[in-house]
C-alpha atoms as a PDB file:
ATOM      1  CA  UNK A   1      98.758 127.434  73.206  1.00  0.00           C
ATOM      2  CA  UNK A   2     101.064 128.670  75.948  1.00  0.00           C
ATOM      3  CA  UNK A   3      99.648 128.579  79.454  1.00  0.00           C
ATOM      4  CA  UNK A   4     101.786 128.642  82.584  1.00  0.00           C
ATOM      5  CA  UNK A   5     101.849 129.452  86.193  1.00  0.00           C
ATOM      6  CA  UNK A   6     102.214 133.137  86.964  1.00  0.00           C
ATOM      7  CA  UNK A   7     105.653 134.563  87.535  1.00  0.00           C
ATOM      8  CA  UNK A   8     108.399 136.573  85.854  1.00  0.00           C
ATOM      9  CA  UNK A   9     111.031 139.151  86.481  1.00  0.00           C
ATOM     10  CA  UNK A  10     110.222 142.881  85.897  1.00  0.00           C
ATOM     11  CA  UNK A  11     112.255 144.740  83.340  1.00  0.00           C
ATOM     12  CA  UNK A  12     114.468 147.391  85.022  1.00  0.00           C
ATOM     13  CA  UNK A  13     113.202 150.909  84.533  1.00  0.00           C
ATOM     14  CA  UNK A  14     115.319 153.203  82.232  1.00  0.00           C
ATOM     15  CA  UNK A  15     115.522 156.838  81.379  1.00  0.00           C
ATOM     16  CA  UNK A  16     112.623 157.397  78.968  1.00  0.00           C
ATOM     17  CA  UNK A  17     114.960 159.308  76.662  1.00  0.00           C
ATOM     18  CA  UNK A  18     117.199 156.167  76.404  1.00  0.00           C
ATOM     19  CA  UNK A  19     114.352 153.683  75.677  1.00  0.00           C
ATOM     20  CA  UNK A  20     114.331 152.402  72.124  1.00  0.00           C
ATOM     21  CA  UNK A  21     112.740 149.325  70.530  1.00  0.00           C
ATOM     22  CA  UNK A  22     116.210 147.708  70.586  1.00  0.00           C
ATOM     23  CA  UNK A  23     116.796 148.356  74.288  1.00  0.00           C
ATOM     24  CA  UNK A  24     113.287 147.023  75.198  1.00  0.00           C
ATOM     25  CA  UNK A  25     114.070 143.994  73.073  1.00  0.00           C
ATOM     26  CA  UNK A  26     117.429 143.385  74.905  1.00  0.00           C
ATOM     27  CA  UNK A  27     115.792 143.769  78.343  1.00  0.00           C
ATOM     28  CA  UNK A  28     113.030 141.424  77.302  1.00  0.00           C
ATOM     29  CA  UNK A  29     115.453 138.753  76.171  1.00  0.00           C
ATOM     30  CA  UNK A  30     117.378 139.130  79.350  1.00  0.00           C
ATOM     31  CA  UNK A  31     114.210 138.704  81.469  1.00  0.00           C
ATOM     32  CA  UNK A  32     113.018 135.674  79.422  1.00  0.00           C
ATOM     33  CA  UNK A  33     116.449 134.103  79.617  1.00  0.00           C
ATOM     34  CA  UNK A  34     116.306 134.272  83.478  1.00  0.00           C
ATOM     35  CA  UNK A  35     112.827 132.885  83.821  1.00  0.00           C
ATOM     36  CA  UNK A  36     111.860 130.573  80.920  1.00  0.00           C
ATOM     37  CA  UNK A  37     113.043 126.981  80.615  1.00  0.00           C
ATOM     38  CA  UNK A  38     110.913 125.914  77.634  1.00  0.00           C
ATOM     39  CA  UNK A  39     112.652 124.587  74.473  1.00  0.00           C
ATOM     40  CA  UNK A  40     112.696 126.927  71.437  1.00  0.00           C
ATOM     41  CA  UNK A  41     113.922 126.857  67.801  1.00  0.00           C
ATOM     42  CA  UNK A  42     115.818 129.616  65.985  1.00  0.00           C
ATOM     43  CA  UNK A  43     113.776 131.635  63.543  1.00  0.00           C
ATOM     44  CA  UNK A  44     114.789 134.405  61.137  1.00  0.00           C
ATOM     45  CA  UNK A  45     112.466 137.239  60.071  1.00  0.00           C
ATOM     46  CA  UNK A  46     113.302 139.271  56.919  1.00  0.00           C
ATOM     47  CA  UNK A  47     116.903 138.016  57.114  1.00  0.00           C
ATOM     48  CA  UNK A  48     117.259 139.227  60.741  1.00  0.00           C
ATOM     49  CA  UNK A  49     117.863 137.128  63.775  1.00  0.00           C
ATOM     50  CA  UNK A  50     117.849 134.393  64.751  1.00  0.00           C
ATOM     51  CA  UNK A  51     115.201 134.738  67.371  1.00  0.00           C
ATOM     52  CA  UNK A  52     114.179 131.864  69.669  1.00  0.00           C
ATOM     53  CA  UNK A  53     110.469 130.932  69.178  1.00  0.00           C
ATOM     54  CA  UNK A  54     108.453 128.428  71.164  1.00  0.00           C
ATOM     55  CA  UNK A  55     106.794 125.617  69.134  1.00  0.00           C
ATOM     56  CA  UNK A  56     103.057 125.529  70.032  1.00  0.00           C
ATOM     57  CA  UNK A  57     101.258 122.530  68.441  1.00  0.00           C
ATOM     58  CA  UNK A  58      98.140 123.757  70.252  1.00  0.00           C
ATOM     59  CA  UNK A  59      97.930 127.113  68.453  1.00  0.00           C
ATOM     60  CA  UNK A  60      96.462 127.712  65.071  1.00  0.00           C
ATOM     61  CA  UNK A  61      98.400 130.827  64.364  1.00  0.00           C
ATOM     62  CA  UNK A  62     102.012 131.983  64.695  1.00  0.00           C
ATOM     63  CA  UNK A  63     102.439 134.839  67.178  1.00  0.00           C
ATOM     64  CA  UNK A  64     105.155 137.453  67.677  1.00  0.00           C
ATOM     65  CA  UNK A  65     105.796 139.643  70.646  1.00  0.00           C
ATOM     66  CA  UNK A  66     105.212 143.389  70.669  1.00  0.00           C
ATOM     67  CA  UNK A  67     108.912 143.824  71.503  1.00  0.00           C
ATOM     68  CA  UNK A  68     109.991 141.998  68.334  1.00  0.00           C
ATOM     69  CA  UNK A  69     107.397 143.703  66.217  1.00  0.00           C
ATOM     70  CA  UNK A  70     108.567 147.083  67.391  1.00  0.00           C
ATOM     71  CA  UNK A  71     112.250 146.328  67.023  1.00  0.00           C
ATOM     72  CA  UNK A  72     111.784 145.055  63.405  1.00  0.00           C
ATOM     73  CA  UNK A  73     109.226 147.843  62.718  1.00  0.00           C
ATOM     74  CA  UNK A  74     106.785 145.341  61.272  1.00  0.00           C
ATOM     75  CA  UNK A  75     103.770 146.763  59.374  1.00  0.00           C
ATOM     76  CA  UNK A  76     100.439 146.662  61.204  1.00  0.00           C
ATOM     77  CA  UNK A  77      97.654 144.385  59.987  1.00  0.00           C
ATOM     78  CA  UNK A  78      93.964 144.319  60.762  1.00  0.00           C
ATOM     79  CA  UNK A  79      92.858 143.266  64.292  1.00  0.00           C
ATOM     80  CA  UNK A  80      91.823 139.595  64.565  1.00  0.00           C
ATOM     81  CA  UNK A  81      89.931 137.430  67.070  1.00  0.00           C
ATOM     82  CA  UNK A  82      92.362 135.247  68.933  1.00  0.00           C
ATOM     83  CA  UNK A  83      91.520 132.036  70.703  1.00  0.00           C
ATOM     84  CA  UNK A  84      93.429 131.509  73.834  1.00  0.00           C
ATOM     85  CA  UNK A  85      92.971 129.270  76.995  1.00  0.00           C
ATOM     86  CA  UNK A  86      90.686 131.778  78.658  1.00  0.00           C
ATOM     87  CA  UNK A  87      88.441 132.592  75.528  1.00  0.00           C
ATOM     88  CA  UNK A  88      88.384 134.835  72.509  1.00  0.00           C
ATOM     89  CA  UNK A  89      89.769 138.469  72.368  1.00  0.00           C
ATOM     90  CA  UNK A  90      90.414 141.013  69.820  1.00  0.00           C
ATOM     91  CA  UNK A  91      94.158 141.557  69.179  1.00  0.00           C
ATOM     92  CA  UNK A  92      96.414 143.598  66.902  1.00  0.00           C
ATOM     93  CA  UNK A  93      98.349 141.957  64.168  1.00  0.00           C
ATOM     94  CA  UNK A  94     101.528 142.600  62.100  1.00  0.00           C
ATOM     95  CA  UNK A  95     102.807 141.370  58.748  1.00  0.00           C
ATOM     96  CA  UNK A  96     105.890 139.111  59.377  1.00  0.00           C
ATOM     97  CA  UNK A  97     107.844 139.029  56.176  1.00  0.00           C
ATOM     98  CA  UNK A  98     110.087 136.248  55.070  1.00  0.00           C
ATOM     99  CA  UNK A  99     109.744 134.172  58.286  1.00  0.00           C
ATOM    100  CA  UNK A 100     112.076 131.264  58.116  1.00  0.00           C
ATOM    101  CA  UNK A 101     112.689 128.354  60.442  1.00  0.00           C
ATOM    102  CA  UNK A 102     116.488 127.923  60.239  1.00  0.00           C
ATOM    103  CA  UNK A 103     116.332 124.076  60.043  1.00  0.00           C
ATOM    104  CA  UNK A 104     113.823 124.073  57.227  1.00  0.00           C
ATOM    105  CA  UNK A 105     115.005 127.102  55.109  1.00  0.00           C
ATOM    106  CA  UNK A 106     111.721 127.863  53.579  1.00  0.00           C
ATOM    107  CA  UNK A 107     110.604 131.536  53.409  1.00  0.00           C
ATOM    108  CA  UNK A 108     106.958 132.469  53.974  1.00  0.00           C
ATOM    109  CA  UNK A 109     105.091 135.540  55.244  1.00  0.00           C
ATOM    110  CA  UNK A 110     102.280 135.388  57.891  1.00  0.00           C
ATOM    111  CA  UNK A 111      99.864 137.882  59.475  1.00  0.00           C
ATOM    112  CA  UNK A 112     100.669 137.235  63.143  1.00  0.00           C
ATOM    113  CA  UNK A 113      98.894 138.452  66.318  1.00  0.00           C
ATOM    114  CA  UNK A 114     101.274 140.512  68.445  1.00  0.00           C
ATOM    115  CA  UNK A 115     101.255 139.971  72.207  1.00  0.00           C
ATOM    116  CA  UNK A 116     103.515 140.818  75.223  1.00  0.00           C
ATOM    117  CA  UNK A 117     106.630 138.695  75.381  1.00  0.00           C
ATOM    118  CA  UNK A 118     106.185 138.162  79.191  1.00  0.00           C
ATOM    119  CA  UNK A 119     102.886 136.390  78.511  1.00  0.00           C
ATOM    120  CA  UNK A 120     104.189 134.355  75.586  1.00  0.00           C
ATOM    121  CA  UNK A 121     107.212 133.257  77.567  1.00  0.00           C
ATOM    122  CA  UNK A 122     109.295 133.908  74.477  1.00  0.00           C
ATOM    123  CA  UNK A 123     109.888 136.414  71.746  1.00  0.00           C
ATOM    124  CA  UNK A 124     107.440 134.547  69.526  1.00  0.00           C
ATOM    125  CA  UNK A 125     105.732 131.275  68.966  1.00  0.00           C
ATOM    126  CA  UNK A 126     105.166 129.016  65.871  1.00  0.00           C
ATOM    127  CA  UNK A 127     101.688 127.792  65.381  1.00  0.00           C
ATOM    128  CA  UNK A 128     100.073 125.228  63.119  1.00  0.00           C
ATOM    129  CA  UNK A 129      99.990 127.728  60.122  1.00  0.00           C
ATOM    130  CA  UNK A 130     103.756 127.431  60.070  1.00  0.00           C
ATOM    131  CA  UNK A 131     104.223 123.794  61.260  1.00  0.00           C
ATOM    132  CA  UNK A 132     101.512 121.934  59.244  1.00  0.00           C
ATOM    133  CA  UNK A 133     103.910 120.642  56.629  1.00  0.00           C
ATOM    134  CA  UNK A 134     106.725 119.599  58.914  1.00  0.00           C
ATOM    135  CA  UNK A 135     107.763 117.368  61.723  1.00  0.00           C
ATOM    136  CA  UNK A 136     108.459 118.598  65.237  1.00  0.00           C
ATOM    137  CA  UNK A 137     111.170 116.709  67.104  1.00  0.00           C
ATOM    138  CA  UNK A 138     111.656 117.249  70.873  1.00  0.00           C
ATOM    139  CA  UNK A 139     114.809 115.606  72.262  1.00  0.00           C
ATOM    140  CA  UNK A 140     114.578 115.894  76.023  1.00  0.00           C
ATOM    141  CA  UNK A 141     117.843 114.142  76.730  1.00  0.00           C
ATOM    142  CA  UNK A 142     119.737 116.698  74.690  1.00  0.00           C
ATOM    143  CA  UNK A 143     117.372 119.626  75.446  1.00  0.00           C
ATOM    144  CA  UNK A 144     116.822 120.343  71.816  1.00  0.00           C
ATOM    145  CA  UNK A 145     113.671 121.076  69.802  1.00  0.00           C
ATOM    146  CA  UNK A 146     113.788 120.924  65.961  1.00  0.00           C
ATOM    147  CA  UNK A 147     111.491 121.464  63.036  1.00  0.00           C
ATOM    148  CA  UNK A 148     112.213 119.368  59.926  1.00  0.00           C
ATOM    149  CA  UNK A 149     110.573 118.535  56.637  1.00  0.00           C
ATOM    150  CA  UNK A 150     108.207 115.564  56.919  1.00  0.00           C
ATOM    151  CA  UNK A 151     108.955 112.455  54.851  1.00  0.00           C
ATOM    152  CA  UNK A 152     106.659 109.651  53.937  1.00  0.00           C
ATOM    153  CA  UNK A 153     107.345 106.796  56.386  1.00  0.00           C
ATOM    154  CA  UNK A 154     108.520 103.473  54.872  1.00  0.00           C
ATOM    155  CA  UNK A 155     106.385 100.872  56.518  1.00  0.00           C
ATOM    156  CA  UNK A 156     108.957  98.167  55.658  1.00  0.00           C
ATOM    157  CA  UNK A 157     111.515  99.834  57.976  1.00  0.00           C
ATOM    158  CA  UNK A 158     111.322  98.335  61.368  1.00  0.00           C
ATOM    159  CA  UNK A 159     111.035 100.857  64.267  1.00  0.00           C
ATOM    160  CA  UNK A 160     113.259 100.864  67.230  1.00  0.00           C
ATOM    161  CA  UNK A 161     112.292  98.501  70.138  1.00  0.00           C
ATOM    162  CA  UNK A 162     111.867 101.367  72.456  1.00  0.00           C
ATOM    163  CA  UNK A 163     109.671 103.509  70.026  1.00  0.00           C
ATOM    164  CA  UNK A 164     105.831 103.640  70.330  1.00  0.00           C
ATOM    165  CA  UNK A 165     104.064 105.000  67.239  1.00  0.00           C
ATOM    166  CA  UNK A 166     100.568 106.503  67.811  1.00  0.00           C
ATOM    167  CA  UNK A 167      98.266 107.536  64.905  1.00  0.00           C
ATOM    168  CA  UNK A 168      96.210 110.680  65.131  1.00  0.00           C
ATOM    169  CA  UNK A 169      93.557 112.444  63.091  1.00  0.00           C
ATOM    170  CA  UNK A 170      93.822 116.088  61.985  1.00  0.00           C
ATOM    171  CA  UNK A 171      91.305 118.811  63.051  1.00  0.00           C
ATOM    172  CA  UNK A 172      92.084 122.502  62.285  1.00  0.00           C
ATOM    173  CA  UNK A 173      95.552 121.266  61.719  1.00  0.00           C
ATOM    174  CA  UNK A 174      96.173 119.997  65.199  1.00  0.00           C
ATOM    175  CA  UNK A 175      96.687 116.287  65.855  1.00  0.00           C
ATOM    176  CA  UNK A 176      94.126 114.521  67.979  1.00  0.00           C
ATOM    177  CA  UNK A 177      94.688 111.038  69.222  1.00  0.00           C
ATOM    178  CA  UNK A 178      91.436 109.039  69.433  1.00  0.00           C
ATOM    179  CA  UNK A 179      93.063 105.724  70.507  1.00  0.00           C
ATOM    180  CA  UNK A 180      93.325 106.888  74.056  1.00  0.00           C
ATOM    181  CA  UNK A 181      91.692 105.748  77.324  1.00  0.00           C
ATOM    182  CA  UNK A 182      91.225 106.640  81.020  1.00  0.00           C
ATOM    183  CA  UNK A 183      90.621 103.270  82.409  1.00  0.00           C
ATOM    184  CA  UNK A 184      88.058 101.753  80.022  1.00  0.00           C
ATOM    185  CA  UNK A 185      86.683 105.141  78.942  1.00  0.00           C
ATOM    186  CA  UNK A 186      87.780 106.479  75.547  1.00  0.00           C
ATOM    187  CA  UNK A 187      89.172 110.033  75.656  1.00  0.00           C
ATOM    188  CA  UNK A 188      90.384 112.452  72.930  1.00  0.00           C
ATOM    189  CA  UNK A 189      93.959 113.709  73.277  1.00  0.00           C
ATOM    190  CA  UNK A 190      95.305 116.915  71.697  1.00  0.00           C
ATOM    191  CA  UNK A 191      99.074 117.393  71.561  1.00  0.00           C
ATOM    192  CA  UNK A 192      99.852 120.771  73.030  1.00  0.00           C
ATOM    193  CA  UNK A 193     103.458 121.660  73.244  1.00  0.00           C
ATOM    194  CA  UNK A 194     102.706 125.274  74.212  1.00  0.00           C
ATOM    195  CA  UNK A 195     101.167 124.289  77.521  1.00  0.00           C
ATOM    196  CA  UNK A 196     103.399 123.714  80.529  1.00  0.00           C
ATOM    197  CA  UNK A 197     100.640 121.554  82.103  1.00  0.00           C
ATOM    198  CA  UNK A 198      98.263 118.941  80.762  1.00  0.00           C
ATOM    199  CA  UNK A 199      94.646 120.092  80.847  1.00  0.00           C
ATOM    200  CA  UNK A 200      91.461 118.028  81.276  1.00  0.00           C
ATOM    201  CA  UNK A 201      87.847 118.960  80.618  1.00  0.00           C
ATOM    202  CA  UNK A 202      84.859 118.581  83.016  1.00  0.00           C
ATOM    203  CA  UNK A 203      83.699 115.444  81.129  1.00  0.00           C
ATOM    204  CA  UNK A 204      87.040 113.749  82.068  1.00  0.00           C
ATOM    205  CA  UNK A 205      86.942 115.218  85.559  1.00  0.00           C
ATOM    206  CA  UNK A 206      83.599 113.592  86.192  1.00  0.00           C
ATOM    207  CA  UNK A 207      85.216 110.208  85.349  1.00  0.00           C
ATOM    208  CA  UNK A 208      88.077 110.668  87.757  1.00  0.00           C
ATOM    209  CA  UNK A 209      87.306 109.147  91.157  1.00  0.00           C
ATOM    210  CA  UNK A 210      86.070 111.725  93.581  1.00  0.00           C
ATOM    211  CA  UNK A 211      88.532 110.652  96.244  1.00  0.00           C
ATOM    212  CA  UNK A 212      91.395 112.160  94.273  1.00  0.00           C
ATOM    213  CA  UNK A 213      92.187 115.430  96.150  1.00  0.00           C
ATOM    214  CA  UNK A 214      92.738 118.437  94.017  1.00  0.00           C
ATOM    215  CA  UNK A 215      94.327 121.843  94.771  1.00  0.00           C
ATOM    216  CA  UNK A 216      93.518 125.099  93.007  1.00  0.00           C
ATOM    217  CA  UNK A 217      96.071 126.733  90.810  1.00  0.00           C
ATOM    218  CA  UNK A 218      96.118 129.921  88.837  1.00  0.00           C
ATOM    219  CA  UNK A 219      97.229 129.766  85.186  1.00  0.00           C
ATOM    220  CA  UNK A 220      98.082 132.636  82.793  1.00  0.00           C
ATOM    221  CA  UNK A 221      97.577 132.391  79.055  1.00  0.00           C
ATOM    222  CA  UNK A 222      99.238 134.275  76.189  1.00  0.00           C
ATOM    223  CA  UNK A 223      96.982 137.275  76.497  1.00  0.00           C
ATOM    224  CA  UNK A 224      97.842 137.725  80.138  1.00  0.00           C
ATOM    225  CA  UNK A 225      94.388 136.619  81.249  1.00  0.00           C
ATOM    226  CA  UNK A 226      94.190 134.261  84.164  1.00  0.00           C
ATOM    227  CA  UNK A 227      92.116 131.137  84.874  1.00  0.00           C
ATOM    228  CA  UNK A 228      91.726 128.783  87.801  1.00  0.00           C
ATOM    229  CA  UNK A 229      92.072 125.059  87.581  1.00  0.00           C
ATOM    230  CA  UNK A 230      91.847 122.067  89.877  1.00  0.00           C
ATOM    231  CA  UNK A 231      95.186 120.274  89.880  1.00  0.00           C
ATOM    232  CA  UNK A 232      95.668 116.584  90.758  1.00  0.00           C
ATOM    233  CA  UNK A 233      97.198 113.309  89.566  1.00  0.00           C
ATOM    234  CA  UNK A 234      95.211 110.932  87.299  1.00  0.00           C
ATOM    235  CA  UNK A 235      96.079 107.245  87.119  1.00  0.00           C
ATOM    236  CA  UNK A 236      95.929 104.909  84.133  1.00  0.00           C
ATOM    237  CA  UNK A 237      95.740 107.195  81.137  1.00  0.00           C
ATOM    238  CA  UNK A 238      96.615 105.214  77.996  1.00  0.00           C
ATOM    239  CA  UNK A 239      97.600 106.950  74.662  1.00  0.00           C
ATOM    240  CA  UNK A 240      98.017 104.377  72.000  1.00  0.00           C
ATOM    241  CA  UNK A 241     100.350 101.760  73.549  1.00  0.00           C
ATOM    242  CA  UNK A 242     101.748 104.146  76.143  1.00  0.00           C
ATOM    243  CA  UNK A 243     100.306 103.949  79.636  1.00  0.00           C
ATOM    244  CA  UNK A 244     100.807 106.865  81.929  1.00  0.00           C
ATOM    245  CA  UNK A 245     100.691 105.349  85.491  1.00  0.00           C
ATOM    246  CA  UNK A 246     100.152 108.766  87.126  1.00  0.00           C
ATOM    247  CA  UNK A 247      99.761 111.932  85.234  1.00  0.00           C
ATOM    248  CA  UNK A 248      99.393 115.468  86.751  1.00  0.00           C
ATOM    249  CA  UNK A 249      96.335 117.179  85.113  1.00  0.00           C
ATOM    250  CA  UNK A 250      94.805 120.590  85.595  1.00  0.00           C
ATOM    251  CA  UNK A 251      91.003 120.532  85.110  1.00  0.00           C
ATOM    252  CA  UNK A 252      89.182 123.504  83.672  1.00  0.00           C
ATOM    253  CA  UNK A 253      86.864 123.971  80.700  1.00  0.00           C
ATOM    254  CA  UNK A 254      89.281 126.150  78.737  1.00  0.00           C
ATOM    255  CA  UNK A 255      88.295 127.486  75.260  1.00  0.00           C
ATOM    256  CA  UNK A 256      90.147 124.939  73.053  1.00  0.00           C
ATOM    257  CA  UNK A 257      87.858 122.200  74.241  1.00  0.00           C
ATOM    258  CA  UNK A 258      84.908 124.042  72.758  1.00  0.00           C
ATOM    259  CA  UNK A 259      86.855 124.879  69.550  1.00  0.00           C
ATOM    260  CA  UNK A 260      87.554 121.115  68.969  1.00  0.00           C
ATOM    261  CA  UNK A 261      84.013 120.174  69.832  1.00  0.00           C
ATOM    262  CA  UNK A 262      85.280 118.320  72.956  1.00  0.00           C
ATOM    263  CA  UNK A 263      82.975 119.653  75.646  1.00  0.00           C
ATOM    264  CA  UNK A 264      80.826 116.663  76.123  1.00  0.00           C
ATOM    265  CA  UNK A 265      83.395 113.869  75.620  1.00  0.00           C
ATOM    266  CA  UNK A 266      86.296 113.258  77.961  1.00  0.00           C
ATOM    267  CA  UNK A 267      89.336 115.161  76.508  1.00  0.00           C
ATOM    268  CA  UNK A 268      92.867 116.016  77.401  1.00  0.00           C
ATOM    269  CA  UNK A 269      95.373 118.630  76.215  1.00  0.00           C
ATOM    270  CA  UNK A 270      98.629 116.730  76.588  1.00  0.00           C
ATOM    271  CA  UNK A 271     101.180 119.349  77.737  1.00  0.00           C
ATOM    272  CA  UNK A 272     104.949 119.432  78.126  1.00  0.00           C
ATOM    273  CA  UNK A 273     104.810 118.028  81.639  1.00  0.00           C
ATOM    274  CA  UNK A 274     103.580 114.689  80.316  1.00  0.00           C
ATOM    275  CA  UNK A 275     105.760 114.728  77.229  1.00  0.00           C
ATOM    276  CA  UNK A 276     108.906 115.124  79.274  1.00  0.00           C
ATOM    277  CA  UNK A 277     108.320 111.598  80.490  1.00  0.00           C
ATOM    278  CA  UNK A 278     110.026 110.483  77.274  1.00  0.00           C
ATOM    279  CA  UNK A 279     113.525 110.676  75.834  1.00  0.00           C
ATOM    280  CA  UNK A 280     112.234 111.937  72.588  1.00  0.00           C
ATOM    281  CA  UNK A 281     108.829 112.892  71.019  1.00  0.00           C
ATOM    282  CA  UNK A 282     108.421 113.324  67.256  1.00  0.00           C
ATOM    283  CA  UNK A 283     105.144 115.001  66.069  1.00  0.00           C
ATOM    284  CA  UNK A 284     104.720 114.418  62.334  1.00  0.00           C
ATOM    285  CA  UNK A 285     101.834 116.574  60.984  1.00  0.00           C
ATOM    286  CA  UNK A 286     101.559 115.267  57.282  1.00  0.00           C
ATOM    287  CA  UNK A 287     101.881 111.662  58.321  1.00  0.00           C
ATOM    288  CA  UNK A 288      99.502 112.289  61.322  1.00  0.00           C
ATOM    289  CA  UNK A 289     101.793 110.372  63.673  1.00  0.00           C
ATOM    290  CA  UNK A 290     103.306 110.825  67.140  1.00  0.00           C
ATOM    291  CA  UNK A 291     106.361 108.827  67.943  1.00  0.00           C
ATOM    292  CA  UNK A 292     107.466 108.289  71.555  1.00  0.00           C
ATOM    293  CA  UNK A 293     110.883 107.075  72.556  1.00  0.00           C
ATOM    294  CA  UNK A 294     110.828 105.439  75.948  1.00  0.00           C
ATOM    295  CA  UNK A 295     113.279 106.319  78.634  1.00  0.00           C
ATOM    296  CA  UNK A 296     116.715 104.674  78.533  1.00  0.00           C
ATOM    297  CA  UNK A 297     116.737 101.069  79.800  1.00  0.00           C
ATOM    298  CA  UNK A 298     112.944 100.645  79.731  1.00  0.00           C
ATOM    299  CA  UNK A 299     111.431  97.475  78.346  1.00  0.00           C
ATOM    300  CA  UNK A 300     108.033  96.333  77.375  1.00  0.00           C
ATOM    301  CA  UNK A 301     105.654  96.446  80.380  1.00  0.00           C
ATOM    302  CA  UNK A 302     108.307  98.165  82.528  1.00  0.00           C
ATOM    303  CA  UNK A 303     107.390 101.237  84.660  1.00  0.00           C
ATOM    304  CA  UNK A 304     109.472 104.282  85.272  1.00  0.00           C
ATOM    305  CA  UNK A 305     108.940 107.589  87.157  1.00  0.00           C
ATOM    306  CA  UNK A 306     109.867 110.990  85.807  1.00  0.00           C
ATOM    307  CA  UNK A 307     110.649 114.222  87.596  1.00  0.00           C
ATOM    308  CA  UNK A 308     107.307 115.838  86.733  1.00  0.00           C
ATOM    309  CA  UNK A 309     105.746 116.957  90.007  1.00  0.00           C
ATOM    310  CA  UNK A 310     102.745 118.596  91.410  1.00  0.00           C
ATOM    311  CA  UNK A 311     103.077 121.714  93.636  1.00  0.00           C
ATOM    312  CA  UNK A 312     103.937 120.614  97.103  1.00  0.00           C
ATOM    313  CA  UNK A 313     105.979 117.592  95.995  1.00  0.00           C
ATOM    314  CA  UNK A 314     103.063 115.249  95.075  1.00  0.00           C
ATOM    315  CA  UNK A 315     103.832 112.209  92.938  1.00  0.00           C
ATOM    316  CA  UNK A 316     105.060 112.689  89.357  1.00  0.00           C
ATOM    317  CA  UNK A 317     104.304 111.051  86.000  1.00  0.00           C
ATOM    318  CA  UNK A 318     105.045 107.453  85.383  1.00  0.00           C
ATOM    319  CA  UNK A 319     104.680 105.671  82.033  1.00  0.00           C
ATOM    320  CA  UNK A 320     104.887 102.122  80.781  1.00  0.00           C
ATOM    321  CA  UNK A 321     104.741 100.530  77.275  1.00  0.00           C
ATOM    322  CA  UNK A 322     102.642  97.630  76.111  1.00  0.00           C
END
């Protein structure tokens, strides 16, 4: 579920008589193009588009922006309660007919909450309701994100020497990795491609040594609501056979932890800042697997540092394989 640091470029004011849904859409796309660096996939709606949607493996529902809904004149649905990082809120919905991920080619219709594009960081986002039967592939080297049909994995086929496969369990459609540790403490890890930063709960925060200095940061969720978090680096987080030597984490008891029943146990929402440590990440929902491709030239037990950084230039994420 998207959450990011505040920012953005205001849309230039226009003569009210010249403002149309299409002109607002064009201005929105221009603004997002100047400010957003997240990877997207092309999506068609009712044979129109393509439109670039964020893939959000932490969101239960697909969401469209008000600008897209107005431009396509989508029919209104009943209001629903939406869970975001800051809590639950009542939001309007629209019927999205014949939504199609270009790389999959399957048409389906969804009732989607509609929110401001500036808060989504894109013209729309794809949630678990759309992704649950597919595989999400994020190729950071090529700067490409794809959605593909999932296929049953042939166990007889040897995996690449630089590939780490982690098995997860499914809860509300999301993948949760239980084979994860901070030091010798087991933690629960939720894959969340919609979050720019990795988030930890208070139970994990209490396990982190007190001498780790934190700095306050303000985060904005998809509804435009803000929350404060304590930002620091956490050493020795292990997910499957992948060891993160130093991972930036923002600590706050955000609403998804309660949704997943993860308020008492140490838990982590693994965001894009951590996933960018790898060449490629494949999230396979039907097979309940996450496959990490290690950085070029890395070998077993080797350590490497990525460009992921805390505000102020603090140390970035490092990972090693076992």
